């Protein structure tokens, strides 16, 4: 039984030495002192983000603000019309009571 334990420990040690380097070490090795890799990664990330955003159904801030202003004016007009309707309904009710 002790032989199997020793063999298992040796196998674990061999596998431990075969472990891939950590992400930080891999990145450091990839990048090193060369800024061109970082610039290329940055360009690719920006292009990917731009592509993803172009597929979304979004509007610009200016369009949003314009629509918000239209909605605000419309809401004010609806409120005004509701008040006018309420006043006319009250007058109609008074006229029909007499």
N, C-alpha and C. Protein backbone atom coordinates (compact mmCIF):
# COMPACT_ATOMS: atom_id res chain seq x y z
N UNK A 1 0.82 -1.18 0.00
CA UNK A 1 0.00 0.00 0.00
C UNK A 1 0.87 1.25 0.00
N UNK A 2 1.97 1.23 0.66
CA UNK A 2 2.87 2.37 0.72
C UNK A 2 3.46 2.66 -0.64
N UNK A 3 3.67 1.63 -1.45
CA UNK A 3 4.22 1.83 -2.79
C UNK A 3 3.23 2.62 -3.63
N UNK A 4 1.94 2.26 -3.55
CA UNK A 4 0.92 2.98 -4.31
C UNK A 4 0.83 4.44 -3.88
N UNK A 5 0.95 4.67 -2.58
CA UNK A 5 0.92 6.04 -2.08
C UNK A 5 2.10 6.84 -2.61
N UNK A 6 3.28 6.20 -2.65
CA UNK A 6 4.47 6.88 -3.18
C UNK A 6 4.31 7.15 -4.67
N UNK A 7 3.75 6.18 -5.41
CA UNK A 7 3.55 6.37 -6.84
C UNK A 7 2.53 7.49 -7.10
N UNK A 8 1.48 7.52 -6.30
CA UNK A 8 0.47 8.56 -6.45
C UNK A 8 1.06 9.93 -6.16
N UNK A 9 1.86 10.02 -5.13
CA UNK A 9 2.50 11.29 -4.79
C UNK A 9 3.44 11.73 -5.91
N UNK A 10 4.16 10.80 -6.50
CA UNK A 10 5.08 11.12 -7.58
C UNK A 10 4.29 11.58 -8.81
N UNK A 11 3.16 10.91 -9.08
CA UNK A 11 2.32 11.31 -10.21
C UNK A 11 1.77 12.73 -10.00
N UNK A 12 1.34 13.00 -8.78
CA UNK A 12 0.82 14.33 -8.48
C UNK A 12 1.90 15.40 -8.67
N UNK A 13 3.10 15.07 -8.25
CA UNK A 13 4.20 16.03 -8.38
C UNK A 13 4.52 16.28 -9.86
N UNK A 14 4.53 15.22 -10.66
CA UNK A 14 4.78 15.38 -12.10
C UNK A 14 3.68 16.22 -12.75
N UNK A 15 2.43 15.93 -12.39
CA UNK A 15 1.31 16.70 -12.95
C UNK A 15 1.35 18.14 -12.49
N UNK A 16 1.77 18.35 -11.26
CA UNK A 16 1.89 19.71 -10.74
C UNK A 16 2.92 20.50 -11.52
N UNK A 17 3.98 19.88 -11.92
CA UNK A 17 5.01 20.59 -12.67
C UNK A 17 4.57 20.83 -14.12
N UNK A 18 3.56 20.11 -14.59
CA UNK A 18 3.05 20.28 -15.94
C UNK A 18 1.92 21.30 -16.01
N UNK A 19 1.54 21.86 -14.85
CA UNK A 19 0.44 22.82 -14.81
C UNK A 19 0.76 24.01 -15.70
N UNK A 20 -0.23 24.48 -16.44
CA UNK A 20 0.02 25.65 -17.28
C UNK A 20 0.29 26.88 -16.41
N UNK A 21 0.99 27.86 -16.96
CA UNK A 21 1.27 29.06 -16.17
C UNK A 21 -0.02 29.80 -15.87
N UNK A 22 0.00 30.59 -14.84
CA UNK A 22 -1.17 31.37 -14.48
C UNK A 22 -1.49 32.39 -15.55
N UNK A 23 -2.67 32.95 -15.47
CA UNK A 23 -3.12 33.92 -16.45
C UNK A 23 -2.21 35.15 -16.46
N UNK A 24 -1.81 35.58 -15.28
CA UNK A 24 -0.92 36.74 -15.19
C UNK A 24 0.41 36.49 -15.87
N UNK A 25 0.98 35.32 -15.64
CA UNK A 25 2.26 34.98 -16.25
C UNK A 25 2.11 34.85 -17.76
N UNK A 26 1.03 34.28 -18.20
CA UNK A 26 0.78 34.12 -19.63
C UNK A 26 0.63 35.48 -20.30
N UNK A 27 -0.12 36.36 -19.66
CA UNK A 27 -0.32 37.70 -20.20
C UNK A 27 1.01 38.46 -20.24
N UNK A 28 1.78 38.35 -19.18
CA UNK A 28 3.09 39.02 -19.12
C UNK A 28 4.00 38.52 -20.22
N UNK A 29 3.98 37.22 -20.44
CA UNK A 29 4.81 36.65 -21.49
C UNK A 29 4.34 37.11 -22.87
N UNK A 30 3.02 37.21 -23.04
CA UNK A 30 2.45 37.63 -24.31
C UNK A 30 2.77 39.10 -24.60
N UNK A 31 2.59 39.93 -23.59
CA UNK A 31 2.75 41.36 -23.78
C UNK A 31 4.21 41.78 -23.70
N UNK A 32 4.87 41.40 -22.65
CA UNK A 32 6.26 41.81 -22.45
C UNK A 32 6.36 43.32 -22.49
N UNK A 33 7.34 43.85 -23.17
CA UNK A 33 7.52 45.29 -23.30
C UNK A 33 6.94 45.83 -24.60
N UNK A 34 6.35 44.98 -25.40
CA UNK A 34 5.85 45.37 -26.71
C UNK A 34 4.46 45.99 -26.58
N UNK A 35 4.34 47.27 -26.86
CA UNK A 35 3.07 47.98 -26.76
C UNK A 35 2.16 47.69 -27.96
N UNK A 36 2.73 47.20 -29.06
CA UNK A 36 1.92 46.96 -30.25
C UNK A 36 0.85 45.90 -29.99
N UNK A 37 1.16 44.93 -29.16
CA UNK A 37 0.16 43.91 -28.83
C UNK A 37 -0.99 44.54 -28.07
N UNK A 38 -0.67 45.41 -27.12
CA UNK A 38 -1.72 46.08 -26.36
C UNK A 38 -2.57 46.97 -27.27
N UNK A 39 -1.92 47.66 -28.20
CA UNK A 39 -2.67 48.50 -29.13
C UNK A 39 -3.57 47.67 -30.03
N UNK A 40 -3.09 46.53 -30.45
CA UNK A 40 -3.91 45.65 -31.30
C UNK A 40 -5.10 45.10 -30.51
N UNK A 41 -4.86 44.71 -29.26
CA UNK A 41 -5.96 44.22 -28.42
C UNK A 41 -6.98 45.34 -28.21
N UNK A 42 -6.49 46.56 -27.97
CA UNK A 42 -7.38 47.69 -27.78
C UNK A 42 -8.22 47.96 -29.03
N UNK A 43 -7.58 47.96 -30.19
CA UNK A 43 -8.31 48.17 -31.46
C UNK A 43 -9.37 47.11 -31.67
N UNK A 44 -8.99 45.86 -31.43
CA UNK A 44 -9.94 44.76 -31.62
C UNK A 44 -11.11 44.85 -30.64
N UNK A 45 -10.82 45.22 -29.40
CA UNK A 45 -11.88 45.35 -28.40
C UNK A 45 -12.84 46.48 -28.79
N UNK A 46 -12.29 47.59 -29.26
CA UNK A 46 -13.15 48.71 -29.68
C UNK A 46 -14.01 48.32 -30.88
N UNK A 47 -13.43 47.62 -31.84
CA UNK A 47 -14.19 47.19 -33.02
C UNK A 47 -15.29 46.23 -32.62
N UNK A 48 -14.99 45.32 -31.70
CA UNK A 48 -15.99 44.37 -31.23
C UNK A 48 -17.13 45.09 -30.51
N UNK A 49 -16.78 46.06 -29.66
CA UNK A 49 -17.81 46.81 -28.94
C UNK A 49 -18.65 47.63 -29.91
N UNK A 50 -18.01 48.24 -30.90
CA UNK A 50 -18.74 49.04 -31.88
C UNK A 50 -19.72 48.17 -32.66
N UNK A 51 -19.28 46.98 -33.05
CA UNK A 51 -20.15 46.05 -33.79
C UNK A 51 -21.33 45.62 -32.93
N UNK A 52 -21.06 45.30 -31.67
CA UNK A 52 -22.13 44.87 -30.77
C UNK A 52 -23.14 45.99 -30.55
N UNK A 53 -22.66 47.22 -30.37
CA UNK A 53 -23.57 48.34 -30.15
C UNK A 53 -24.37 48.68 -31.40
N UNK A 54 -23.79 48.49 -32.57
CA UNK A 54 -24.52 48.80 -33.80
C UNK A 54 -25.68 47.83 -34.01
N UNK A 55 -25.60 46.65 -33.44
CA UNK A 55 -26.67 45.66 -33.58
C UNK A 55 -27.82 45.93 -32.62
N UNK A 56 -27.59 46.76 -31.61
CA UNK A 56 -28.63 47.07 -30.65
C UNK A 56 -29.56 48.13 -31.22
N UNK A 57 -30.80 48.11 -30.79
CA UNK A 57 -31.79 49.08 -31.23
C UNK A 57 -31.77 50.25 -30.25
N UNK A 58 -30.82 51.16 -30.45
CA UNK A 58 -30.68 52.30 -29.55
C UNK A 58 -30.78 53.60 -30.35
N UNK A 59 -31.07 54.69 -29.65
CA UNK A 59 -31.14 56.00 -30.28
C UNK A 59 -30.07 56.89 -29.67
N UNK A 60 -29.74 57.95 -30.38
CA UNK A 60 -28.75 58.88 -29.86
C UNK A 60 -29.36 59.71 -28.73
N UNK A 61 -28.52 60.35 -27.97
CA UNK A 61 -28.98 61.18 -26.86
C UNK A 61 -29.83 62.34 -27.39
N UNK A 62 -29.42 62.92 -28.53
CA UNK A 62 -30.17 64.03 -29.11
C UNK A 62 -31.58 63.59 -29.51
N UNK A 63 -31.69 62.41 -30.12
CA UNK A 63 -33.02 61.89 -30.49
C UNK A 63 -33.86 61.63 -29.25
N UNK A 64 -33.23 61.08 -28.22
CA UNK A 64 -33.95 60.81 -26.98
C UNK A 64 -34.47 62.10 -26.36
N UNK A 65 -33.61 63.13 -26.29
CA UNK A 65 -34.01 64.41 -25.72
C UNK A 65 -35.14 65.05 -26.52
N UNK A 66 -35.07 64.96 -27.86
CA UNK A 66 -36.13 65.52 -28.70
C UNK A 66 -37.45 64.81 -28.45
N UNK A 67 -37.42 63.50 -28.35
CA UNK A 67 -38.65 62.74 -28.10
C UNK A 67 -39.19 63.01 -26.70
N UNK A 68 -38.30 63.20 -25.73
CA UNK A 68 -38.73 63.52 -24.37
C UNK A 68 -39.44 64.87 -24.35
N UNK A 69 -38.93 65.85 -25.13
CA UNK A 69 -39.58 67.17 -25.21
C UNK A 69 -40.95 67.06 -25.85
N UNK A 70 -41.06 66.27 -26.92
CA UNK A 70 -42.35 66.06 -27.58
C UNK A 70 -43.33 65.41 -26.61
N UNK A 71 -42.87 64.43 -25.88
CA UNK A 71 -43.72 63.75 -24.91
C UNK A 71 -44.18 64.70 -23.81
N UNK A 72 -43.30 65.57 -23.36
CA UNK A 72 -43.66 66.53 -22.31
C UNK A 72 -44.73 67.51 -22.82
N UNK A 73 -44.55 68.01 -24.06
CA UNK A 73 -45.56 68.91 -24.64
C UNK A 73 -46.89 68.19 -24.83
N UNK A 74 -46.83 66.94 -25.26
CA UNK A 74 -48.05 66.16 -25.47
C UNK A 74 -48.77 65.92 -24.14
N UNK A 75 -48.00 65.61 -23.11
CA UNK A 75 -48.60 65.38 -21.79
C UNK A 75 -49.28 66.66 -21.29
N UNK A 76 -48.64 67.82 -21.50
CA UNK A 76 -49.24 69.09 -21.08
C UNK A 76 -50.54 69.34 -21.84
N UNK A 77 -50.56 69.07 -23.13
CA UNK A 77 -51.76 69.27 -23.95
C UNK A 77 -52.88 68.33 -23.50
N UNK A 78 -52.54 67.07 -23.21
CA UNK A 78 -53.54 66.11 -22.73
C UNK A 78 -54.12 66.58 -21.40
N UNK A 79 -53.27 67.05 -20.51
CA UNK A 79 -53.76 67.56 -19.22
C UNK A 79 -54.71 68.73 -19.43
N UNK A 80 -54.35 69.64 -20.34
CA UNK A 80 -55.19 70.80 -20.64
C UNK A 80 -56.54 70.36 -21.21
N UNK A 81 -56.51 69.40 -22.13
CA UNK A 81 -57.75 68.90 -22.72
C UNK A 81 -58.62 68.17 -21.69
N UNK A 82 -57.99 67.44 -20.78
CA UNK A 82 -58.76 66.77 -19.73
C UNK A 82 -59.47 67.79 -18.85
N UNK A 83 -58.79 68.89 -18.52
CA UNK A 83 -59.41 69.94 -17.70
C UNK A 83 -60.57 70.59 -18.45
N UNK A 84 -60.36 70.86 -19.74
CA UNK A 84 -61.43 71.45 -20.55
C UNK A 84 -62.63 70.52 -20.64
N UNK A 85 -62.37 69.24 -20.84
CA UNK A 85 -63.44 68.25 -20.91
C UNK A 85 -64.19 68.16 -19.59
N UNK A 86 -63.46 68.19 -18.48
CA UNK A 86 -64.11 68.14 -17.17
C UNK A 86 -64.99 69.37 -16.97
N UNK A 87 -64.51 70.55 -17.38
CA UNK A 87 -65.30 71.78 -17.24
C UNK A 87 -66.55 71.71 -18.11
N UNK A 88 -66.40 71.28 -19.34
CA UNK A 88 -67.55 71.16 -20.24
C UNK A 88 -68.56 70.12 -19.73
N UNK A 89 -68.05 69.03 -19.20
CA UNK A 89 -68.95 68.00 -18.63
C UNK A 89 -69.71 68.55 -17.44
N UNK A 90 -69.03 69.35 -16.62
CA UNK A 90 -69.71 69.94 -15.46
C UNK A 90 -70.79 70.92 -15.93
N UNK A 91 -70.47 71.73 -16.95
CA UNK A 91 -71.48 72.67 -17.48
C UNK A 91 -72.67 71.91 -18.08
N UNK A 92 -72.39 70.84 -18.77
CA UNK A 92 -73.45 70.03 -19.37
C UNK A 92 -74.33 69.41 -18.30
N UNK A 93 -73.71 68.94 -17.23
CA UNK A 93 -74.49 68.35 -16.13
C UNK A 93 -75.37 69.41 -15.48
N UNK A 94 -74.87 70.64 -15.29
CA UNK A 94 -75.65 71.72 -14.71
C UNK A 94 -76.82 72.07 -15.62
N UNK A 95 -76.56 72.13 -16.92
CA UNK A 95 -77.61 72.49 -17.87
C UNK A 95 -78.70 71.42 -17.92
N UNK A 96 -78.34 70.17 -17.78
CA UNK A 96 -79.34 69.11 -17.85
C UNK A 96 -80.10 68.97 -16.53
N UNK A 97 -79.54 69.49 -15.43
CA UNK A 97 -80.25 69.44 -14.13
C UNK A 97 -81.34 70.51 -14.08
N UNK A 98 -81.18 71.54 -14.81
CA UNK A 98 -82.18 72.63 -14.75
C UNK A 98 -83.25 72.46 -15.77
